[in-house]
N, C-alpha and C. Protein backbone atom coordinates (compact mmCIF):
# COMPACT_ATOMS: atom_id res chain seq x y z
N MET A 1 80.11 88.42 60.45
CA MET A 1 80.25 88.38 59.02
C MET A 1 81.52 89.08 58.56
N LEU A 2 81.86 90.18 59.17
CA LEU A 2 83.04 90.90 58.74
C LEU A 2 84.29 90.09 58.90
N SER A 3 84.37 89.24 59.94
CA SER A 3 85.56 88.43 60.12
C SER A 3 85.75 87.46 58.97
N ALA A 4 84.67 86.92 58.42
CA ALA A 4 84.79 86.02 57.27
C ALA A 4 85.34 86.76 56.07
N LEU A 5 84.95 88.00 55.90
CA LEU A 5 85.41 88.78 54.75
C LEU A 5 86.86 89.21 54.89
N SER A 6 87.41 89.14 56.09
CA SER A 6 88.83 89.47 56.28
C SER A 6 89.68 88.20 56.34
N HIS A 7 89.11 87.08 55.92
CA HIS A 7 89.82 85.81 55.89
C HIS A 7 91.09 85.95 55.03
N PRO A 8 92.22 85.38 55.48
CA PRO A 8 93.48 85.53 54.75
C PRO A 8 93.42 85.07 53.29
N SER A 9 92.60 84.08 52.99
CA SER A 9 92.55 83.59 51.61
C SER A 9 91.87 84.59 50.66
N LEU A 10 91.27 85.64 51.21
CA LEU A 10 90.64 86.65 50.36
C LEU A 10 91.57 87.82 50.06
N ALA A 11 92.77 87.77 50.66
CA ALA A 11 93.76 88.81 50.33
C ALA A 11 94.10 88.68 48.85
N ASN A 12 94.37 89.78 48.24
CA ASN A 12 94.72 89.81 46.81
C ASN A 12 93.60 89.29 45.93
N CYS A 13 92.37 89.57 46.33
CA CYS A 13 91.21 89.21 45.51
C CYS A 13 90.51 90.48 45.03
N ARG A 14 89.86 90.33 43.93
CA ARG A 14 88.98 91.36 43.42
C ARG A 14 87.56 90.93 43.79
N ARG A 15 86.73 91.88 44.19
CA ARG A 15 85.33 91.57 44.53
C ARG A 15 84.44 92.03 43.40
N LEU A 16 83.70 91.09 42.84
CA LEU A 16 82.68 91.40 41.84
C LEU A 16 81.34 91.33 42.55
N PHE A 17 80.39 92.13 42.16
CA PHE A 17 79.11 92.08 42.86
C PHE A 17 77.93 92.30 41.94
N LEU A 18 76.82 91.74 42.39
CA LEU A 18 75.51 91.93 41.78
C LEU A 18 74.64 92.47 42.90
N ARG A 19 74.10 93.66 42.75
CA ARG A 19 73.37 94.32 43.82
C ARG A 19 71.88 94.43 43.53
N ASN A 20 71.10 94.02 44.50
CA ASN A 20 69.65 94.22 44.48
C ASN A 20 68.98 93.74 43.20
N TYR A 21 69.36 92.55 42.79
CA TYR A 21 68.78 91.93 41.60
C TYR A 21 67.41 91.38 41.99
N GLU A 22 66.36 91.96 41.43
CA GLU A 22 64.99 91.59 41.80
C GLU A 22 64.46 90.54 40.84
N ILE A 23 64.01 89.43 41.43
CA ILE A 23 63.41 88.35 40.64
C ILE A 23 62.06 88.01 41.24
N SER A 24 61.21 87.40 40.46
CA SER A 24 59.93 86.87 40.95
C SER A 24 60.02 85.37 40.84
N ILE A 25 59.87 84.70 41.98
CA ILE A 25 60.02 83.24 41.99
C ILE A 25 58.97 82.61 42.89
N ASN A 26 58.79 81.34 42.69
CA ASN A 26 57.90 80.54 43.52
C ASN A 26 58.73 80.03 44.69
N ILE A 27 58.54 80.63 45.85
CA ILE A 27 59.34 80.30 47.02
C ILE A 27 58.47 80.37 48.27
N GLY A 28 58.67 79.43 49.18
CA GLY A 28 57.97 79.46 50.46
C GLY A 28 57.41 78.12 50.85
N VAL A 29 57.15 77.97 52.15
CA VAL A 29 56.66 76.70 52.69
C VAL A 29 55.15 76.70 52.92
N HIS A 30 54.55 77.87 52.96
CA HIS A 30 53.12 77.96 53.23
C HIS A 30 52.30 77.76 51.95
N ASP A 31 51.09 77.23 52.10
CA ASP A 31 50.26 76.95 50.94
C ASP A 31 50.05 78.19 50.07
N PHE A 32 49.79 79.35 50.69
CA PHE A 32 49.56 80.55 49.89
C PHE A 32 50.82 80.96 49.13
N GLU A 33 52.00 80.61 49.64
CA GLU A 33 53.25 80.93 48.94
C GLU A 33 53.48 80.00 47.74
N LYS A 34 52.89 78.84 47.79
CA LYS A 34 53.08 77.86 46.71
C LYS A 34 52.19 78.16 45.50
N ARG A 35 51.24 79.07 45.67
CA ARG A 35 50.30 79.38 44.60
C ARG A 35 50.69 80.60 43.77
N ALA A 36 51.67 81.37 44.23
CA ALA A 36 52.02 82.59 43.50
C ALA A 36 53.51 82.90 43.69
N GLU A 37 54.03 83.62 42.74
CA GLU A 37 55.42 84.03 42.85
C GLU A 37 55.55 85.18 43.86
N GLN A 38 56.76 85.31 44.41
CA GLN A 38 57.07 86.39 45.32
C GLN A 38 58.30 87.13 44.81
N ARG A 39 58.37 88.39 45.20
CA ARG A 39 59.58 89.15 44.91
C ARG A 39 60.69 88.70 45.84
N VAL A 40 61.87 88.49 45.26
CA VAL A 40 63.06 88.16 46.04
C VAL A 40 64.19 89.05 45.51
N ILE A 41 64.93 89.63 46.42
CA ILE A 41 66.08 90.46 46.08
C ILE A 41 67.33 89.62 46.35
N VAL A 42 68.19 89.52 45.35
CA VAL A 42 69.41 88.72 45.46
C VAL A 42 70.62 89.63 45.39
N ASN A 43 71.56 89.39 46.28
CA ASN A 43 72.85 90.09 46.26
C ASN A 43 73.96 89.05 46.27
N ILE A 44 74.97 89.28 45.45
CA ILE A 44 76.09 88.35 45.36
C ILE A 44 77.39 89.14 45.37
N ASP A 45 78.36 88.62 46.13
CA ASP A 45 79.74 89.09 46.07
C ASP A 45 80.58 87.89 45.69
N LEU A 46 81.38 88.03 44.64
CA LEU A 46 82.34 86.99 44.26
C LEU A 46 83.73 87.52 44.54
N PHE A 47 84.57 86.66 45.08
CA PHE A 47 85.95 87.01 45.33
C PHE A 47 86.82 86.18 44.41
N VAL A 48 87.56 86.87 43.54
CA VAL A 48 88.37 86.23 42.51
C VAL A 48 89.81 86.71 42.68
N PRO A 49 90.76 85.78 42.75
CA PRO A 49 92.16 86.20 42.88
C PRO A 49 92.55 87.18 41.78
N LEU A 50 93.34 88.17 42.15
CA LEU A 50 93.78 89.15 41.17
C LEU A 50 94.49 88.48 39.99
N ALA A 51 95.20 87.41 40.25
CA ALA A 51 95.90 86.68 39.18
C ALA A 51 94.92 86.11 38.16
N GLU A 52 93.68 85.88 38.58
CA GLU A 52 92.65 85.32 37.70
C GLU A 52 91.69 86.39 37.16
N SER A 53 91.90 87.64 37.56
CA SER A 53 90.93 88.67 37.18
C SER A 53 91.56 89.99 36.78
N THR A 54 92.84 89.97 36.51
CA THR A 54 93.51 91.19 36.06
C THR A 54 93.81 91.05 34.58
N PRO A 55 93.02 91.70 33.74
CA PRO A 55 93.20 91.53 32.30
C PRO A 55 94.50 92.17 31.81
N ARG A 56 95.14 91.48 30.92
CA ARG A 56 96.35 91.99 30.29
C ARG A 56 96.05 92.50 28.88
N ALA A 57 95.01 91.95 28.27
CA ALA A 57 94.66 92.33 26.90
C ALA A 57 93.28 92.98 26.82
N ASP A 58 92.70 93.31 27.99
CA ASP A 58 91.39 93.97 28.03
C ASP A 58 90.30 93.13 27.35
N LYS A 59 90.35 91.81 27.61
CA LYS A 59 89.41 90.86 26.99
C LYS A 59 88.53 90.23 28.06
N LEU A 60 87.27 90.03 27.74
CA LEU A 60 86.30 89.46 28.67
C LEU A 60 86.72 88.08 29.15
N ALA A 61 87.36 87.30 28.31
CA ALA A 61 87.77 85.94 28.68
C ALA A 61 88.79 85.92 29.82
N GLU A 62 89.38 87.06 30.13
CA GLU A 62 90.40 87.13 31.19
C GLU A 62 89.80 87.32 32.58
N VAL A 63 88.51 87.54 32.65
CA VAL A 63 87.85 87.83 33.93
C VAL A 63 86.59 86.96 34.07
N VAL A 64 85.94 87.07 35.20
CA VAL A 64 84.64 86.41 35.39
C VAL A 64 83.57 87.36 34.87
N ASP A 65 82.79 86.88 33.92
CA ASP A 65 81.74 87.67 33.28
C ASP A 65 80.59 87.89 34.27
N TYR A 66 80.11 89.11 34.38
CA TYR A 66 78.99 89.42 35.27
C TYR A 66 77.74 88.60 34.93
N ASP A 67 77.58 88.29 33.65
CA ASP A 67 76.42 87.51 33.22
C ASP A 67 76.36 86.15 33.91
N PHE A 68 77.51 85.65 34.33
CA PHE A 68 77.58 84.37 35.04
C PHE A 68 76.69 84.39 36.29
N MET A 69 76.70 85.50 37.01
CA MET A 69 75.90 85.58 38.24
C MET A 69 74.41 85.53 37.91
N ARG A 70 73.98 86.33 36.95
CA ARG A 70 72.56 86.38 36.59
C ARG A 70 72.08 85.07 35.99
N SER A 71 72.88 84.49 35.10
CA SER A 71 72.45 83.24 34.46
C SER A 71 72.42 82.09 35.46
N THR A 72 73.30 82.10 36.44
CA THR A 72 73.29 81.05 37.47
C THR A 72 72.02 81.14 38.30
N ILE A 73 71.60 82.33 38.64
CA ILE A 73 70.34 82.51 39.38
C ILE A 73 69.17 82.03 38.52
N ALA A 74 69.16 82.41 37.26
CA ALA A 74 68.08 82.00 36.36
C ALA A 74 68.01 80.48 36.23
N GLN A 75 69.16 79.84 36.14
CA GLN A 75 69.18 78.37 36.05
C GLN A 75 68.59 77.74 37.30
N ARG A 76 68.94 78.26 38.47
CA ARG A 76 68.40 77.69 39.71
C ARG A 76 66.91 77.90 39.81
N VAL A 77 66.45 79.09 39.48
CA VAL A 77 65.02 79.41 39.56
C VAL A 77 64.23 78.55 38.58
N SER A 78 64.79 78.25 37.43
CA SER A 78 64.08 77.46 36.42
C SER A 78 63.84 76.02 36.87
N ARG A 79 64.51 75.56 37.91
CA ARG A 79 64.32 74.20 38.42
C ARG A 79 63.01 74.06 39.20
N GLY A 80 62.34 75.15 39.47
CA GLY A 80 61.03 75.07 40.13
C GLY A 80 61.02 75.58 41.55
N HIS A 81 59.93 75.27 42.22
CA HIS A 81 59.64 75.79 43.56
C HIS A 81 60.79 75.53 44.54
N VAL A 82 61.06 76.55 45.34
CA VAL A 82 62.05 76.46 46.42
C VAL A 82 61.29 76.71 47.72
N HIS A 83 61.45 75.84 48.69
CA HIS A 83 60.77 76.06 49.96
C HIS A 83 61.44 77.14 50.80
N LEU A 84 62.77 77.11 50.88
CA LEU A 84 63.48 77.95 51.83
C LEU A 84 64.48 78.88 51.16
N GLN A 85 64.60 80.08 51.70
CA GLN A 85 65.65 80.99 51.24
C GLN A 85 67.03 80.39 51.48
N GLU A 86 67.17 79.63 52.55
CA GLU A 86 68.45 78.99 52.84
C GLU A 86 68.86 78.06 51.70
N THR A 87 67.89 77.31 51.17
CA THR A 87 68.17 76.40 50.06
C THR A 87 68.59 77.18 48.83
N LEU A 88 67.87 78.25 48.53
CA LEU A 88 68.21 79.08 47.37
C LEU A 88 69.63 79.64 47.51
N CYS A 89 69.94 80.20 48.67
CA CYS A 89 71.28 80.76 48.89
C CYS A 89 72.36 79.69 48.75
N ASP A 90 72.14 78.54 49.37
CA ASP A 90 73.14 77.47 49.30
C ASP A 90 73.35 76.98 47.88
N ASP A 91 72.26 76.82 47.14
CA ASP A 91 72.36 76.35 45.76
C ASP A 91 73.12 77.35 44.88
N VAL A 92 72.79 78.62 45.02
CA VAL A 92 73.46 79.65 44.22
C VAL A 92 74.93 79.74 44.62
N ALA A 93 75.21 79.70 45.91
CA ALA A 93 76.60 79.77 46.37
C ALA A 93 77.42 78.59 45.84
N ALA A 94 76.86 77.41 45.89
CA ALA A 94 77.58 76.22 45.39
C ALA A 94 77.88 76.36 43.89
N ALA A 95 76.92 76.85 43.13
CA ALA A 95 77.13 77.03 41.69
C ALA A 95 78.19 78.09 41.42
N MET A 96 78.20 79.15 42.22
CA MET A 96 79.22 80.19 42.05
C MET A 96 80.61 79.64 42.35
N LEU A 97 80.71 78.87 43.42
CA LEU A 97 82.01 78.30 43.80
C LEU A 97 82.50 77.26 42.81
N ALA A 98 81.62 76.71 42.01
CA ALA A 98 82.03 75.73 41.01
C ALA A 98 82.82 76.39 39.88
N HIS A 99 82.69 77.69 39.74
CA HIS A 99 83.47 78.40 38.72
C HIS A 99 84.95 78.31 39.11
N PRO A 100 85.82 77.92 38.20
CA PRO A 100 87.22 77.70 38.56
C PRO A 100 87.97 78.94 39.03
N LYS A 101 87.52 80.12 38.67
CA LYS A 101 88.22 81.34 39.08
C LYS A 101 87.74 81.90 40.41
N VAL A 102 86.59 81.46 40.89
CA VAL A 102 85.99 82.03 42.10
C VAL A 102 86.57 81.36 43.34
N ARG A 103 87.10 82.17 44.25
CA ARG A 103 87.67 81.66 45.50
C ARG A 103 86.65 81.68 46.64
N ALA A 104 85.76 82.66 46.64
CA ALA A 104 84.79 82.78 47.72
C ALA A 104 83.55 83.50 47.21
N VAL A 105 82.45 83.31 47.95
CA VAL A 105 81.19 83.92 47.55
C VAL A 105 80.39 84.30 48.79
N ARG A 106 79.64 85.36 48.64
CA ARG A 106 78.63 85.74 49.64
C ARG A 106 77.34 85.93 48.86
N VAL A 107 76.29 85.22 49.28
CA VAL A 107 74.98 85.31 48.63
C VAL A 107 73.95 85.66 49.69
N SER A 108 73.10 86.61 49.37
CA SER A 108 71.98 86.90 50.27
C SER A 108 70.70 86.99 49.44
N THR A 109 69.60 86.61 50.09
CA THR A 109 68.29 86.77 49.50
C THR A 109 67.40 87.47 50.51
N GLU A 110 66.47 88.26 50.00
CA GLU A 110 65.52 88.96 50.85
C GLU A 110 64.14 88.88 50.24
N LYS A 111 63.16 88.66 51.08
CA LYS A 111 61.77 88.71 50.67
C LYS A 111 61.19 90.00 51.25
N PRO A 112 60.98 91.02 50.39
CA PRO A 112 60.56 92.32 50.90
C PRO A 112 59.07 92.46 51.21
N ASP A 113 58.27 91.48 50.82
CA ASP A 113 56.82 91.64 50.97
C ASP A 113 56.19 90.73 52.01
N VAL A 114 57.00 90.17 52.91
CA VAL A 114 56.49 89.20 53.87
C VAL A 114 55.74 89.88 55.02
N TYR A 115 56.37 90.88 55.63
CA TYR A 115 55.78 91.54 56.79
C TYR A 115 55.59 93.03 56.51
N PRO A 116 54.45 93.59 56.91
CA PRO A 116 54.21 95.01 56.65
C PRO A 116 55.02 95.94 57.55
N ASP A 117 55.59 95.42 58.63
CA ASP A 117 56.27 96.28 59.59
C ASP A 117 57.80 96.21 59.51
N CYS A 118 58.32 95.64 58.43
CA CYS A 118 59.77 95.65 58.24
C CYS A 118 60.10 95.68 56.76
N GLU A 119 61.30 96.08 56.45
CA GLU A 119 61.72 96.22 55.05
C GLU A 119 61.80 94.88 54.34
N SER A 120 62.35 93.86 55.02
CA SER A 120 62.49 92.55 54.39
C SER A 120 62.94 91.53 55.42
N VAL A 121 62.84 90.26 55.03
CA VAL A 121 63.42 89.16 55.79
C VAL A 121 64.32 88.39 54.84
N GLY A 122 65.45 87.91 55.36
CA GLY A 122 66.36 87.27 54.44
C GLY A 122 67.38 86.36 55.09
N VAL A 123 68.25 85.88 54.22
CA VAL A 123 69.28 84.91 54.58
C VAL A 123 70.55 85.29 53.84
N GLU A 124 71.68 85.01 54.48
CA GLU A 124 72.97 85.24 53.83
C GLU A 124 73.89 84.07 54.15
N VAL A 125 74.69 83.70 53.17
CA VAL A 125 75.67 82.63 53.35
C VAL A 125 76.99 83.11 52.76
N ILE A 126 78.07 82.76 53.44
CA ILE A 126 79.43 83.03 52.94
C ILE A 126 80.15 81.70 52.86
N ARG A 127 80.76 81.44 51.70
CA ARG A 127 81.52 80.20 51.52
C ARG A 127 82.86 80.53 50.89
N ILE A 128 83.89 79.88 51.39
CA ILE A 128 85.25 80.06 50.89
C ILE A 128 85.79 78.70 50.50
N LYS A 129 86.37 78.61 49.31
CA LYS A 129 86.98 77.35 48.87
C LYS A 129 88.18 77.04 49.75
N GLU A 130 88.29 75.78 50.07
CA GLU A 130 89.50 75.35 50.79
C GLU A 130 90.64 75.29 49.80
N ALA A 131 91.79 75.75 50.24
CA ALA A 131 92.96 75.79 49.33
C ALA A 131 93.50 74.41 49.03
């Protein structure tokens, strides 16, 4: 994973992040998972070129608004049941990359209540726009 984050296209980027955003969603492939929501922890890193994220007039319109990350997750969750964490990560990553200022994204999800003998189980995806 670290090698992807040192990719040359991420040079001169600013990293925005959303840490440990806890949501309750309907996710899972098992019947018992389809009947109730589960806690999912979402983490996002956005990489935005400094040229696209260095404000000159100290105005929100000059940068990527943090609300974009939260509202994108809410939009995906509102579409209904998700079977796999992989699907959720891929969908959120694709939506993040659709933002014209975002060059790369790292999205992870964790389900902290699956197993009693570990902190969580999860998935992470890293995507970089081709130049």
